[in-house]
Amino acid sequence: VQLQASGGGFVQGGGSLRLSCAASGPIYAVSRRAWYRQAPGKQRELVASITTGGSTNYADSVQGRFTISSDNAKNTVYLQMNSLKPEDTAVYYCNVRWSLGGNSWGQGTQVTVSS
């Protein structure tokens, strides 16, 4: 399985970006899709997650600004990021947790927010 993330880039503070992550290859049952991020010198952290049933979870730092959604038929997960702040600058990674166990990761997409 390959996860291809896209949509990152450079944006001014207050702007918006939409990340996408499409899965290809042999797709097994998915229990959860998520976005993580890792800023320079920091540990990777969970940004948002969504179960196949549609339940969502957000980090406190992005609550109210970011929205995660998925299209299960297209095996794609999205992250709409609004009101971006310089502290949102990081490499964003998509993640799939499989129902039978294990995870798969995308290659990461850089998001840079200027002040």
C-alpha atoms as a PDB file:
ATOM      1  CA  VAL A   1       0.000   0.000   0.000  1.00  0.00           C
ATOM      2  CA  GLN A   2       1.236   3.500  -0.843  1.00  0.00           C
ATOM      3  CA  LEU A   3      -0.033   6.720   0.690  1.00  0.00           C
ATOM      4  CA  GLN A   4       0.510   9.792  -1.464  1.00  0.00           C
ATOM      5  CA  ALA A   5       0.138  13.114   0.345  1.00  0.00           C
ATOM      6  CA  SER A   6      -0.236  16.428  -1.456  1.00  0.00           C
ATOM      7  CA  GLY A   7      -1.384  19.994  -0.918  1.00  0.00           C
ATOM      8  CA  GLY A   8       1.370  21.396   1.243  1.00  0.00           C
ATOM      9  CA  GLY A   9       3.059  24.681   0.498  1.00  0.00           C
ATOM     10  CA  PHE A  10       3.848  28.173   1.678  1.00  0.00           C
ATOM     11  CA  VAL A  11       1.110  30.423   2.992  1.00  0.00           C
ATOM     12  CA  GLN A  12       0.880  33.626   4.965  1.00  0.00           C
ATOM     13  CA  GLY A  13      -0.512  33.579   8.470  1.00  0.00           C
ATOM     14  CA  GLY A  14      -4.287  33.525   8.462  1.00  0.00           C
ATOM     15  CA  GLY A  15      -4.386  31.669   5.176  1.00  0.00           C
ATOM     16  CA  SER A  16      -5.699  28.221   4.293  1.00  0.00           C
ATOM     17  CA  LEU A  17      -4.415  25.008   2.790  1.00  0.00           C
ATOM     18  CA  ARG A  18      -6.037  21.675   2.040  1.00  0.00           C
ATOM     19  CA  LEU A  19      -4.022  18.488   2.323  1.00  0.00           C
ATOM     20  CA  SER A  20      -5.008  15.259   0.598  1.00  0.00           C
ATOM     21  CA  CYS A  21      -3.729  11.732   1.038  1.00  0.00           C
ATOM     22  CA  ALA A  22      -4.742   8.965  -1.339  1.00  0.00           C
ATOM     23  CA  ALA A  23      -4.064   5.290  -0.751  1.00  0.00           C
ATOM     24  CA  SER A  24      -3.252   2.956  -3.594  1.00  0.00           C
ATOM     25  CA  GLY A  25      -2.415  -0.695  -3.884  1.00  0.00           C
ATOM     26  CA  PRO A  26      -4.037  -3.562  -1.967  1.00  0.00           C
ATOM     27  CA  ILE A  27      -6.410  -1.819   0.426  1.00  0.00           C
ATOM     28  CA  TYR A  28      -7.440  -3.711   3.515  1.00  0.00           C
ATOM     29  CA  ALA A  29     -10.032  -2.816   6.099  1.00  0.00           C
ATOM     30  CA  VAL A  30      -9.267   0.572   7.645  1.00  0.00           C
ATOM     31  CA  SER A  31     -10.116   1.448  11.192  1.00  0.00           C
ATOM     32  CA  ARG A  32      -8.785   5.004  11.290  1.00  0.00           C
ATOM     33  CA  ARG A  33      -7.175   7.669   9.110  1.00  0.00           C
ATOM     34  CA  ALA A  34      -5.162  10.485  10.609  1.00  0.00           C
ATOM     35  CA  TRP A  35      -2.798  13.378  10.051  1.00  0.00           C
ATOM     36  CA  TYR A  36       0.333  13.872  12.127  1.00  0.00           C
ATOM     37  CA  ARG A  37       2.917  16.630  11.962  1.00  0.00           C
ATOM     38  CA  GLN A  38       6.505  17.078  12.959  1.00  0.00           C
ATOM     39  CA  ALA A  39       8.164  20.444  13.388  1.00  0.00           C
ATOM     40  CA  PRO A  40      11.969  20.818  13.440  1.00  0.00           C
ATOM     41  CA  GLY A  41      13.372  19.629  16.742  1.00  0.00           C
ATOM     42  CA  LYS A  42      10.022  18.338  17.963  1.00  0.00           C
ATOM     43  CA  GLN A  43       8.365  14.953  18.200  1.00  0.00           C
ATOM     44  CA  ARG A  44       5.730  13.878  15.734  1.00  0.00           C
ATOM     45  CA  GLU A  45       2.273  14.711  17.077  1.00  0.00           C
ATOM     46  CA  LEU A  46      -1.264  13.730  16.193  1.00  0.00           C
ATOM     47  CA  VAL A  47      -3.145  16.582  14.527  1.00  0.00           C
ATOM     48  CA  ALA A  48      -6.489  14.981  13.697  1.00  0.00           C
ATOM     49  CA  SER A  49      -8.035  11.574  13.168  1.00  0.00           C
ATOM     50  CA  ILE A  50     -11.219  10.128  11.741  1.00  0.00           C
ATOM     51  CA  THR A  51     -12.615   6.623  12.074  1.00  0.00           C
ATOM     52  CA  THR A  52     -14.406   4.817   9.280  1.00  0.00           C
ATOM     53  CA  GLY A  53     -17.570   5.524  11.244  1.00  0.00           C
ATOM     54  CA  GLY A  54     -16.906   9.257  11.006  1.00  0.00           C
ATOM     55  CA  SER A  55     -15.828  10.011  14.572  1.00  0.00           C
ATOM     56  CA  THR A  56     -13.203  12.745  14.668  1.00  0.00           C
ATOM     57  CA  ASN A  57     -10.575  13.844  17.129  1.00  0.00           C
ATOM     58  CA  TYR A  58      -8.388  16.965  17.081  1.00  0.00           C
ATOM     59  CA  ALA A  59      -5.371  18.264  18.914  1.00  0.00           C
ATOM     60  CA  ASP A  60      -6.278  21.180  21.152  1.00  0.00           C
ATOM     61  CA  SER A  61      -3.970  23.439  19.161  1.00  0.00           C
ATOM     62  CA  VAL A  62      -5.964  23.002  15.927  1.00  0.00           C
ATOM     63  CA  GLN A  63      -9.492  22.576  17.277  1.00  0.00           C
ATOM     64  CA  GLY A  64     -11.853  24.918  15.473  1.00  0.00           C
ATOM     65  CA  ARG A  65      -9.346  25.708  12.715  1.00  0.00           C
ATOM     66  CA  PHE A  66      -8.696  22.332  11.057  1.00  0.00           C
ATOM     67  CA  THR A  67     -11.221  19.864   9.696  1.00  0.00           C
ATOM     68  CA  ILE A  68     -10.473  16.254   8.810  1.00  0.00           C
ATOM     69  CA  SER A  69     -12.669  14.360   6.382  1.00  0.00           C
ATOM     70  CA  SER A  70     -12.455  11.225   4.317  1.00  0.00           C
ATOM     71  CA  ASP A  71     -13.866   9.650   1.215  1.00  0.00           C
ATOM     72  CA  ASN A  72     -13.788   5.954   1.969  1.00  0.00           C
ATOM     73  CA  ALA A  73     -14.777   5.004  -1.575  1.00  0.00           C
ATOM     74  CA  LYS A  74     -11.713   6.887  -2.888  1.00  0.00           C
ATOM     75  CA  ASN A  75      -9.483   5.792  -0.008  1.00  0.00           C
ATOM     76  CA  THR A  76      -8.594   9.430   0.519  1.00  0.00           C
ATOM     77  CA  VAL A  77      -8.327  11.549   3.632  1.00  0.00           C
ATOM     78  CA  TYR A  78      -8.300  15.346   3.668  1.00  0.00           C
ATOM     79  CA  LEU A  79      -7.214  18.027   6.114  1.00  0.00           C
ATOM     80  CA  GLN A  80      -8.688  21.481   5.628  1.00  0.00           C
ATOM     81  CA  MET A  81      -6.507  23.974   7.488  1.00  0.00           C
ATOM     82  CA  ASN A  82      -7.840  27.473   8.075  1.00  0.00           C
ATOM     83  CA  SER A  83      -6.532  30.426  10.062  1.00  0.00           C
ATOM     84  CA  LEU A  84      -3.031  29.033   9.790  1.00  0.00           C
ATOM     85  CA  LYS A  85      -0.407  30.203  12.264  1.00  0.00           C
ATOM     86  CA  PRO A  86       3.397  30.162  12.069  1.00  0.00           C
ATOM     87  CA  GLU A  87       3.386  27.453  14.752  1.00  0.00           C
ATOM     88  CA  ASP A  88       1.540  25.180  12.311  1.00  0.00           C
ATOM     89  CA  THR A  89       4.724  25.015  10.234  1.00  0.00           C
ATOM     90  CA  ALA A  90       5.765  21.371  10.017  1.00  0.00           C
ATOM     91  CA  VAL A  91       5.953  18.325   7.801  1.00  0.00           C
ATOM     92  CA  TYR A  92       2.513  16.748   7.730  1.00  0.00           C
ATOM     93  CA  TYR A  93       2.149  12.981   7.448  1.00  0.00           C
ATOM     94  CA  CYS A  94      -0.945  10.961   6.704  1.00  0.00           C
ATOM     95  CA  ASN A  95      -1.468   7.694   8.517  1.00  0.00           C
ATOM     96  CA  VAL A  96      -3.758   4.723   8.087  1.00  0.00           C
ATOM     97  CA  ARG A  97      -4.424   2.268  10.866  1.00  0.00           C
ATOM     98  CA  TRP A  98      -5.540  -1.116   9.564  1.00  0.00           C
ATOM     99  CA  SER A  99      -8.354  -3.043  11.204  1.00  0.00           C
ATOM    100  CA  LEU A 100      -6.184  -6.188  11.378  1.00  0.00           C
ATOM    101  CA  GLY A 101      -3.334  -4.256  12.968  1.00  0.00           C
ATOM    102  CA  GLY A 102      -0.423  -2.130  11.858  1.00  0.00           C
ATOM    103  CA  ASN A 103      -0.075   1.292  10.308  1.00  0.00           C
ATOM    104  CA  SER A 104       0.995   2.804   7.008  1.00  0.00           C
ATOM    105  CA  TRP A 105       2.530   6.261   6.560  1.00  0.00           C
ATOM    106  CA  GLY A 106       2.645   8.736   3.707  1.00  0.00           C
ATOM    107  CA  GLN A 107       5.859  10.440   2.645  1.00  0.00           C
ATOM    108  CA  GLY A 108       5.071  13.791   4.259  1.00  0.00           C
ATOM    109  CA  THR A 109       4.242  17.186   2.828  1.00  0.00           C
ATOM    110  CA  GLN A 110       5.781  20.456   4.011  1.00  0.00           C
ATOM    111  CA  VAL A 111       3.557  23.236   5.310  1.00  0.00           C
ATOM    112  CA  THR A 112       5.209  26.595   5.960  1.00  0.00           C
ATOM    113  CA  VAL A 113       3.283  29.499   7.450  1.00  0.00           C
ATOM    114  CA  SER A 114       4.851  32.939   7.525  1.00  0.00           C
ATOM    115  CA  SER A 115       4.126  35.528  10.166  1.00  0.00           C
END
